[in-house]
Amino acid sequence: MSGQSARVPYLNSKLQGFGSTIFAEMTALAAETNSINLGQGFPNYDGPQEVLDAAVDAIRSGQNQYPPGPGVPELRRAICEHQLRFWGLSYDPDSEVLVTAGATEALAGVLLGLLETGDEVALLEPMYDSYQACIALAGAVTRPVTLRPPHYRLDPDELRAAITPKTRVILVNSPHNPTGAVLDRTELQAIADIAIEHDLIVVSDEVYEHLTYDGIKHVSIASLPGMKERTLVISSGGKTFNTTGWKVGWVCGPAAMVAAARAAKQFLTYVSSGPFQPAIATGLRLPDSYFTALAADLEGKRNHLMQGLTQAGFEVFKPQGTYFITVDIRPIQGDGDGYAFCRSLPHKCGVVGIPNVVFYDRAHQHEGRHLVRFAFCKQYEMIDDAVSRLKTMS
């Protein structure tokens, strides 16, 4: 959310409060001020050559028209192979996989397809900004459970307290954006126990599944006992193969739930990313060494930016995964207004970050007011340049 409360003319009531996304706002500000963009989570380098070549081959071989509604069969098969290979999850490519225009559309399709007006969704806060908007579009209600620094661990009692007779879905995100927390098996089991006890659907956003550090391993909640039959797993190729602009995502889960998501998704984009779908299939079949090297490279960049942010005077919270580092700005800006800080930062030193306040429910924005997110999925030279500029603020 933009942080502005004035009513927007013509915009329907469900979307009041959801203006331009913070990413659009800050990326435009980066361009306007010629700043280094450590705000939006996209690498400034390309993905593996095999994946890029596969896209070119698909374009040149004429795969440029509408792909099948559920997705190109080769990609659906590759997704199933990937889920089994890495997470031990077996899916039917014909009935239990849906290809989408990125994970954001997957979330929209799932939430619009599953939720009734008045349903409630329990979810972790801070949260990726599309969650609240999609829940609102479905006419449902957000029930956030706050994760707090420095470690951003889940309190199962707080999650249990958020469950009411109206709860239909628990929305999980791990590895977690923006905090970088990776839910451990104990935390996931607590979520699973609550979901089973209350007969709830779990929607699990796992787009950063391969981006975990310090030997920490991602665990899909669908792999826990009793959870595969009630869980929709969402992921995408953008973060794993440095192709965020291709917008190739997917949903895996029980056939009836995937069908519900497909019913909504077909009236959003219908289909997308035709020649990029077989290219992502190529990526999903890359050897284990690719995925290991990807995480190792990003772990090095995480460490490098953490060191620089600490030297610049911020209090830094170490992420276990994702692209992002959260900092407390109060050591260098006493009033702790992260939104104002991020609006002024490009003008003062030529760097863009994202104020974490936008990732919180309106009633809880005090929890994130003083926090800012920076992305480390950049080349070392860009990280060094950004840190040099940020040091002028202290």
Protein backbone atom coordinates (compact mmCIF):
# COMPACT_ATOMS: atom_id res chain seq x y z
CA MET A 1 0.00 0.00 0.00
CA SER A 2 1.17 3.50 -0.71
CA GLY A 3 0.46 4.80 2.78
CA GLN A 4 -2.05 7.35 1.45
CA SER A 5 -5.56 7.26 2.92
CA ALA A 6 -7.45 9.68 0.64
CA ARG A 7 -10.27 8.02 -1.29
CA VAL A 8 -9.37 7.37 -4.93
CA PRO A 9 -12.10 8.40 -7.42
CA TYR A 10 -13.74 5.55 -9.39
CA LEU A 11 -11.74 2.85 -7.60
CA ASN A 12 -14.03 0.21 -6.14
CA SER A 13 -14.30 -0.03 -2.38
CA LYS A 14 -12.41 -3.32 -2.15
CA LEU A 15 -9.26 -1.68 -3.55
CA GLN A 16 -9.43 1.62 -1.66
CA GLY A 17 -6.12 1.91 0.15
CA PHE A 18 -4.34 -0.13 -2.51
CA GLY A 19 -2.91 2.52 -4.83
CA SER A 20 0.23 2.08 -6.90
CA THR A 21 2.44 -0.60 -5.40
CA ILE A 22 5.44 0.54 -3.42
CA PHE A 23 7.64 -1.20 -6.00
CA ALA A 24 6.27 0.90 -8.84
CA GLU A 25 6.68 4.04 -6.77
CA MET A 26 10.24 3.35 -5.70
CA THR A 27 11.40 2.02 -9.07
CA ALA A 28 10.10 5.20 -10.71
CA LEU A 29 11.94 7.23 -8.08
CA ALA A 30 15.13 5.28 -8.79
CA ALA A 31 14.87 6.11 -12.50
CA GLU A 32 14.03 9.75 -11.81
CA THR A 33 17.07 10.23 -9.55
CA ASN A 34 19.43 7.81 -11.33
CA SER A 35 19.74 5.87 -8.08
CA ILE A 36 20.93 2.35 -7.33
CA ASN A 37 17.80 0.25 -6.93
CA LEU A 38 18.16 -2.05 -3.93
CA GLY A 39 14.40 -1.95 -3.51
CA GLN A 40 12.76 -4.27 -6.00
CA GLY A 41 13.81 -7.92 -5.90
CA PHE A 42 15.29 -8.53 -9.31
CA PRO A 43 18.91 -9.42 -10.19
CA ASN A 44 20.91 -7.09 -12.41
CA TYR A 45 22.37 -10.10 -14.24
CA ASP A 46 20.92 -12.82 -16.45
CA GLY A 47 20.17 -16.43 -15.68
CA PRO A 48 21.84 -19.61 -16.93
CA GLN A 49 22.68 -19.73 -20.61
CA GLU A 50 20.87 -23.04 -21.10
CA VAL A 51 17.61 -21.45 -20.00
CA LEU A 52 18.09 -18.33 -22.15
CA ASP A 53 18.98 -20.45 -25.18
CA ALA A 54 15.89 -22.60 -24.67
CA ALA A 55 13.70 -19.49 -24.78
CA VAL A 56 15.35 -18.33 -28.02
CA ASP A 57 14.92 -21.81 -29.50
CA ALA A 58 11.24 -21.83 -28.55
CA ILE A 59 10.68 -18.44 -30.17
CA ARG A 60 12.49 -19.44 -33.35
CA SER A 61 10.65 -22.78 -33.57
CA GLY A 62 7.27 -21.03 -33.61
CA GLN A 63 6.06 -21.51 -30.02
CA ASN A 64 4.66 -17.99 -29.95
CA GLN A 65 0.90 -18.49 -29.87
CA TYR A 66 -1.45 -19.27 -26.99
CA PRO A 67 -0.10 -22.16 -24.91
CA PRO A 68 -2.59 -24.63 -23.39
CA GLY A 69 -4.69 -23.17 -20.57
CA PRO A 70 -3.12 -25.28 -17.79
CA GLY A 71 0.37 -24.69 -19.17
CA VAL A 72 2.70 -26.32 -21.69
CA PRO A 73 2.74 -30.09 -20.95
CA GLU A 74 6.54 -30.21 -20.90
CA LEU A 75 6.67 -27.56 -18.18
CA ARG A 76 3.97 -29.26 -16.12
CA ARG A 77 5.96 -32.50 -16.29
CA ALA A 78 9.16 -30.67 -15.34
CA ILE A 79 7.42 -29.05 -12.35
CA CYS A 80 6.30 -32.48 -11.15
CA GLU A 81 9.83 -33.86 -11.57
CA HIS A 82 11.20 -30.89 -9.62
CA GLN A 83 8.72 -31.28 -6.75
CA LEU A 84 9.55 -34.97 -6.41
CA ARG A 85 13.30 -34.49 -6.80
CA PHE A 86 13.70 -31.72 -4.23
CA TRP A 87 10.76 -32.02 -1.84
CA GLY A 88 9.56 -35.61 -2.18
CA LEU A 89 6.13 -34.51 -3.42
CA SER A 90 4.36 -36.42 -6.19
CA TYR A 91 1.81 -34.64 -8.42
CA ASP A 92 -0.15 -35.51 -11.55
CA PRO A 93 0.95 -33.09 -14.30
CA ASP A 94 -2.47 -33.23 -15.98
CA SER A 95 -4.72 -32.49 -13.01
CA GLU A 96 -2.60 -31.23 -10.11
CA VAL A 97 -0.44 -28.52 -11.75
CA LEU A 98 -1.42 -25.13 -13.14
CA VAL A 99 1.01 -22.74 -14.85
CA THR A 100 0.38 -19.04 -14.18
CA ALA A 101 1.68 -15.57 -15.02
CA GLY A 102 4.15 -15.63 -12.17
CA ALA A 103 3.53 -16.47 -8.53
CA THR A 104 1.53 -13.25 -8.10
CA GLU A 105 -1.15 -14.46 -10.50
CA ALA A 106 -0.99 -17.90 -8.91
CA LEU A 107 -1.86 -16.29 -5.58
CA ALA A 108 -4.64 -14.25 -7.16
CA GLY A 109 -6.12 -17.29 -8.87
CA VAL A 110 -5.97 -19.39 -5.72
CA LEU A 111 -7.46 -16.76 -3.43
CA LEU A 112 -10.17 -15.64 -5.86
CA GLY A 113 -11.02 -19.25 -6.65
CA LEU A 114 -11.21 -20.47 -3.05
CA LEU A 115 -12.52 -17.62 -0.92
CA GLU A 116 -16.10 -16.55 -0.29
CA THR A 117 -17.13 -13.07 0.86
CA GLY A 118 -16.53 -12.85 4.60
CA ASP A 119 -14.04 -15.70 4.80
CA GLU A 120 -10.90 -15.04 6.82
CA VAL A 121 -7.27 -15.72 5.94
CA ALA A 122 -4.64 -16.14 8.66
CA LEU A 123 -1.20 -15.18 7.37
CA LEU A 124 2.26 -14.11 8.45
CA GLU A 125 3.07 -10.42 8.77
CA PRO A 126 5.00 -8.56 7.35
CA MET A 127 3.65 -9.87 4.06
CA TYR A 128 4.21 -9.52 0.33
CA ASP A 129 1.95 -6.65 -0.70
CA SER A 130 -0.27 -8.56 -3.15
CA TYR A 131 -1.60 -10.80 -0.38
CA GLN A 132 -3.80 -8.14 1.20
CA ALA A 133 -5.01 -6.85 -2.16
CA CYS A 134 -6.01 -10.30 -3.46
CA ILE A 135 -7.76 -11.18 -0.21
CA ALA A 136 -9.65 -7.87 -0.40
CA LEU A 137 -10.63 -8.50 -4.04
CA ALA A 138 -12.12 -11.82 -2.95
CA GLY A 139 -14.19 -10.01 -0.33
CA ALA A 140 -12.37 -11.83 2.45
CA VAL A 141 -10.66 -10.57 5.61
CA THR A 142 -6.97 -10.61 6.57
CA ARG A 143 -5.99 -11.92 10.01
CA PRO A 144 -2.25 -11.24 10.34
CA VAL A 145 0.13 -12.95 12.74
CA THR A 146 3.17 -10.75 13.33
CA LEU A 147 6.76 -11.99 13.07
CA ARG A 148 9.13 -9.73 14.98
CA PRO A 149 12.85 -8.96 14.78
CA PRO A 150 15.56 -9.90 15.37
CA HIS A 151 14.77 -13.53 14.45
CA TYR A 152 11.22 -13.30 13.05
CA ARG A 153 10.06 -16.62 14.52
CA LEU A 154 6.45 -17.79 14.48
CA ASP A 155 4.55 -17.87 17.78
CA PRO A 156 2.08 -20.77 17.37
CA ASP A 157 -0.14 -19.35 20.11
CA GLU A 158 -0.55 -16.12 18.14
CA LEU A 159 -1.48 -18.11 15.05
CA ARG A 160 -3.98 -20.17 17.02
CA ALA A 161 -5.52 -16.97 18.41
CA ALA A 162 -6.01 -15.67 14.84
CA ILE A 163 -8.19 -18.66 13.88
CA THR A 164 -11.95 -18.13 14.06
CA PRO A 165 -15.00 -20.03 12.77
CA LYS A 166 -14.73 -17.88 9.62
CA THR A 167 -11.13 -18.88 8.83
CA ARG A 168 -10.84 -20.79 5.56
CA VAL A 169 -7.16 -20.44 4.61
CA ILE A 170 -3.76 -20.17 6.27
CA LEU A 171 -1.38 -18.40 3.88
CA VAL A 172 2.24 -19.35 4.52
CA ASN A 173 5.35 -17.79 2.97
CA SER A 174 8.68 -19.50 3.56
CA PRO A 175 11.41 -18.54 2.84
CA HIS A 176 9.70 -15.37 3.97
CA ASN A 177 9.60 -12.05 2.14
CA PRO A 178 10.55 -9.47 3.41
CA THR A 179 12.24 -10.82 6.57
CA GLY A 180 14.29 -13.68 5.09
CA ALA A 181 13.13 -16.07 7.83
CA VAL A 182 12.93 -19.75 6.88
CA LEU A 183 10.27 -21.58 8.88
CA ASP A 184 11.73 -24.66 10.53
CA ARG A 185 10.04 -28.02 10.79
CA THR A 186 8.71 -27.28 14.29
CA GLU A 187 7.05 -24.06 13.13
CA LEU A 188 5.62 -25.76 10.03
CA GLN A 189 4.30 -28.63 12.14
CA ALA A 190 2.52 -26.14 14.40
CA ILE A 191 0.83 -24.62 11.34
CA ALA A 192 -0.05 -28.09 10.07
CA ASP A 193 -1.56 -29.11 13.42
CA ILE A 194 -3.79 -26.04 13.45
CA ALA A 195 -4.82 -26.54 9.81
CA ILE A 196 -5.76 -30.17 10.41
CA GLU A 197 -7.56 -29.41 13.68
CA HIS A 198 -9.72 -26.72 12.05
CA ASP A 199 -9.96 -28.35 8.60
CA LEU A 200 -8.30 -25.42 6.84
CA ILE A 201 -6.68 -25.05 3.43
CA VAL A 202 -3.02 -24.03 3.42
CA VAL A 203 -1.65 -21.88 0.61
CA SER A 204 2.16 -22.01 0.66
CA ASP A 205 4.17 -19.40 -1.25
CA GLU A 206 7.59 -21.00 -1.82
CA VAL A 207 9.10 -18.83 -4.56
CA TYR A 208 12.42 -18.57 -2.69
CA GLU A 209 12.61 -22.33 -2.11
CA HIS A 210 16.16 -22.62 -3.46
CA LEU A 211 17.51 -19.43 -1.87
CA THR A 212 18.46 -20.48 1.65
CA TYR A 213 21.78 -19.97 3.41
CA ASP A 214 24.05 -21.16 6.23
CA GLY A 215 23.14 -24.78 5.62
CA ILE A 216 19.46 -24.15 6.34
CA LYS A 217 17.15 -26.21 4.13
CA HIS A 218 13.70 -25.29 2.91
CA VAL A 219 10.91 -27.67 3.90
CA SER A 220 7.62 -27.59 2.00
CA ILE A 221 4.69 -27.76 4.41
CA ALA A 222 2.95 -30.04 1.90
CA SER A 223 5.53 -32.72 2.73
CA LEU A 224 4.37 -32.98 6.35
CA PRO A 225 1.99 -35.84 7.29
CA GLY A 226 -1.63 -35.08 6.41
CA MET A 227 -0.81 -31.84 4.58
CA LYS A 228 -0.47 -32.67 0.87
CA GLU A 229 -4.23 -33.17 0.54
CA ARG A 230 -5.01 -29.72 1.98
CA THR A 231 -2.11 -27.63 0.62
CA LEU A 232 -1.63 -25.60 -2.54
CA VAL A 233 2.07 -24.95 -3.20
CA ILE A 234 3.00 -21.88 -5.25
CA SER A 235 6.37 -21.14 -6.83
CA SER A 236 7.92 -19.65 -9.94
CA GLY A 237 11.00 -19.64 -12.14
CA GLY A 238 11.75 -15.95 -11.81
CA LYS A 239 13.86 -16.01 -8.65
CA THR A 240 15.48 -19.39 -9.29
CA PHE A 241 16.63 -18.61 -12.85
CA ASN A 242 17.07 -14.80 -12.72
CA THR A 243 14.18 -14.34 -15.15
CA THR A 244 11.72 -12.25 -13.14
CA GLY A 245 10.42 -10.54 -16.29
CA TRP A 246 9.26 -13.79 -17.86
CA LYS A 247 6.47 -14.25 -15.29
CA VAL A 248 6.26 -18.05 -15.23
CA GLY A 249 4.74 -19.41 -12.03
CA TRP A 250 2.76 -22.44 -10.97
CA VAL A 251 0.41 -24.02 -8.45
CA CYS A 252 0.60 -27.66 -7.33
CA GLY A 253 -2.00 -29.35 -5.18
CA PRO A 254 -5.10 -31.53 -5.00
CA ALA A 255 -6.93 -31.65 -8.32
CA ALA A 256 -10.17 -30.10 -7.04
CA MET A 257 -8.32 -27.15 -5.47
CA VAL A 258 -6.19 -26.61 -8.58
CA ALA A 259 -9.38 -26.66 -10.67
CA ALA A 260 -10.83 -23.90 -8.46
CA ALA A 261 -7.71 -21.81 -8.97
CA ARG A 262 -7.79 -22.49 -12.72
CA ALA A 263 -11.42 -21.34 -12.93
CA ALA A 264 -10.40 -17.92 -11.60
CA LYS A 265 -7.04 -17.74 -13.38
CA GLN A 266 -8.56 -18.30 -16.84
CA PHE A 267 -10.39 -14.97 -16.54
CA LEU A 268 -7.28 -13.09 -15.45
CA THR A 269 -4.62 -13.67 -18.12
CA TYR A 270 -6.08 -16.86 -19.63
CA VAL A 271 -2.53 -17.85 -20.66
CA SER A 272 0.90 -16.21 -20.80
CA SER A 273 4.64 -16.61 -21.42
CA GLY A 274 4.31 -19.14 -24.26
CA PRO A 275 7.96 -19.53 -25.36
CA PHE A 276 9.27 -19.00 -21.84
CA GLN A 277 7.44 -22.01 -20.45
CA PRO A 278 9.63 -24.65 -22.17
CA ALA A 279 12.67 -22.59 -21.17
CA ILE A 280 11.72 -22.79 -17.49
CA ALA A 281 11.23 -26.54 -17.98
CA THR A 282 14.86 -26.66 -19.08
CA GLY A 283 15.87 -24.77 -15.95
CA LEU A 284 13.99 -27.06 -13.59
CA ARG A 285 15.95 -29.99 -15.03
CA LEU A 286 19.39 -28.42 -14.47
CA PRO A 287 21.77 -30.49 -12.29
CA ASP A 288 21.88 -30.08 -8.52
CA SER A 289 25.15 -28.17 -8.88
CA TYR A 290 23.28 -25.24 -10.44
CA PHE A 291 20.95 -24.85 -7.48
CA THR A 292 23.80 -25.24 -4.98
CA ALA A 293 25.90 -22.61 -6.76
CA LEU A 294 22.93 -20.22 -6.94
CA ALA A 295 22.47 -20.30 -3.17
CA ALA A 296 26.21 -20.03 -2.50
CA ASP A 297 26.52 -16.98 -4.75
CA LEU A 298 23.63 -15.20 -3.06
CA GLU A 299 24.89 -16.13 0.41
CA GLY A 300 28.14 -14.34 -0.42
CA LYS A 301 26.25 -11.27 -1.62
CA ARG A 302 24.07 -11.34 1.49
CA ASN A 303 27.16 -11.36 3.70
CA HIS A 304 28.75 -8.56 1.70
CA LEU A 305 25.72 -6.26 1.92
CA MET A 306 25.16 -7.10 5.60
CA GLN A 307 28.70 -6.03 6.40
CA GLY A 308 28.27 -2.82 4.44
CA LEU A 309 24.93 -1.94 6.03
CA THR A 310 26.39 -2.53 9.49
CA GLN A 311 29.32 -0.26 8.67
CA ALA A 312 26.85 2.35 7.42
CA GLY A 313 25.30 2.44 10.91
CA PHE A 314 22.10 0.38 10.55
CA GLU A 315 21.00 -2.37 12.91
CA VAL A 316 20.94 -5.37 10.57
CA PHE A 317 18.81 -8.51 10.94
CA LYS A 318 20.45 -11.53 9.32
CA PRO A 319 18.16 -13.30 6.80
CA GLN A 320 18.21 -17.07 6.40
CA GLY A 321 16.92 -16.91 2.83
CA THR A 322 15.42 -14.82 -0.02
CA TYR A 323 16.93 -11.75 -1.69
CA PHE A 324 16.40 -9.32 1.20
CA ILE A 325 17.94 -7.83 4.33
CA THR A 326 15.85 -5.88 6.82
CA VAL A 327 17.45 -3.08 8.83
CA ASP A 328 16.35 -0.82 11.67
CA ILE A 329 17.01 2.77 10.57
CA ARG A 330 16.73 4.36 14.02
CA PRO A 331 20.49 4.37 14.73
CA ILE A 332 20.93 6.84 11.88
CA GLN A 333 17.44 8.40 11.72
CA GLY A 334 16.09 8.87 15.19
CA ASP A 335 12.41 9.39 14.36
CA GLY A 336 12.33 5.96 12.68
CA ASP A 337 9.99 6.97 9.86
CA GLY A 338 10.96 4.35 7.27
CA TYR A 339 8.57 5.59 4.62
CA ALA A 340 9.92 9.15 4.76
CA PHE A 341 13.47 7.77 4.91
CA CYS A 342 12.98 5.76 1.70
CA ARG A 343 11.35 8.68 -0.09
CA SER A 344 14.29 10.94 0.76
CA LEU A 345 17.12 8.41 0.37
CA PRO A 346 17.40 8.60 -3.46
CA HIS A 347 17.70 12.39 -3.29
CA LYS A 348 20.19 12.34 -0.43
CA CYS A 349 22.55 9.58 -1.54
CA GLY A 350 21.22 7.88 -4.68
CA VAL A 351 19.99 4.56 -3.23
CA VAL A 352 16.50 3.05 -3.19
CA GLY A 353 15.13 0.76 -0.47
CA ILE A 354 11.63 -0.35 0.47
CA PRO A 355 9.91 0.76 3.69
CA ASN A 356 8.68 -2.36 5.48
CA VAL A 357 5.66 -0.50 6.85
CA VAL A 358 3.85 -1.27 3.58
CA PHE A 359 4.07 -5.00 4.34
CA TYR A 360 1.97 -4.72 7.51
CA ASP A 361 -1.75 -4.60 8.11
CA ARG A 362 -2.91 -1.05 8.66
CA ALA A 363 -3.65 -1.72 12.34
CA HIS A 364 -0.11 -3.01 12.91
CA GLN A 365 1.98 -0.55 10.91
CA HIS A 366 3.75 0.60 14.07
CA GLU A 367 5.48 -2.81 14.04
CA GLY A 368 7.32 -2.00 10.81
CA ARG A 369 7.48 1.79 10.82
CA HIS A 370 11.24 1.88 11.56
CA LEU A 371 12.27 -0.99 9.27
CA VAL A 372 13.60 -0.88 5.69
CA ARG A 373 14.32 -3.68 3.23
CA PHE A 374 17.32 -3.80 0.89
CA ALA A 375 17.91 -6.38 -1.87
CA PHE A 376 21.30 -8.10 -2.28
CA CYS A 377 20.59 -9.90 -5.59
CA LYS A 378 22.98 -7.52 -7.35
CA GLN A 379 26.52 -7.65 -8.65
CA TYR A 380 29.22 -6.97 -6.07
CA GLU A 381 30.20 -3.72 -7.77
CA MET A 382 26.68 -2.38 -7.39
CA ILE A 383 26.52 -3.46 -3.73
CA ASP A 384 29.83 -1.70 -3.03
CA ASP A 385 28.66 1.47 -4.76
CA ALA A 386 25.38 1.46 -2.82
CA VAL A 387 27.16 0.94 0.50
CA SER A 388 29.57 3.79 -0.21
CA ARG A 389 26.62 6.07 -0.82
CA LEU A 390 24.73 4.88 2.28
CA LYS A 391 27.76 5.55 4.46
CA THR A 392 27.36 9.25 3.70
CA MET A 393 24.09 9.16 5.65
CA SER A 394 25.70 8.24 8.99
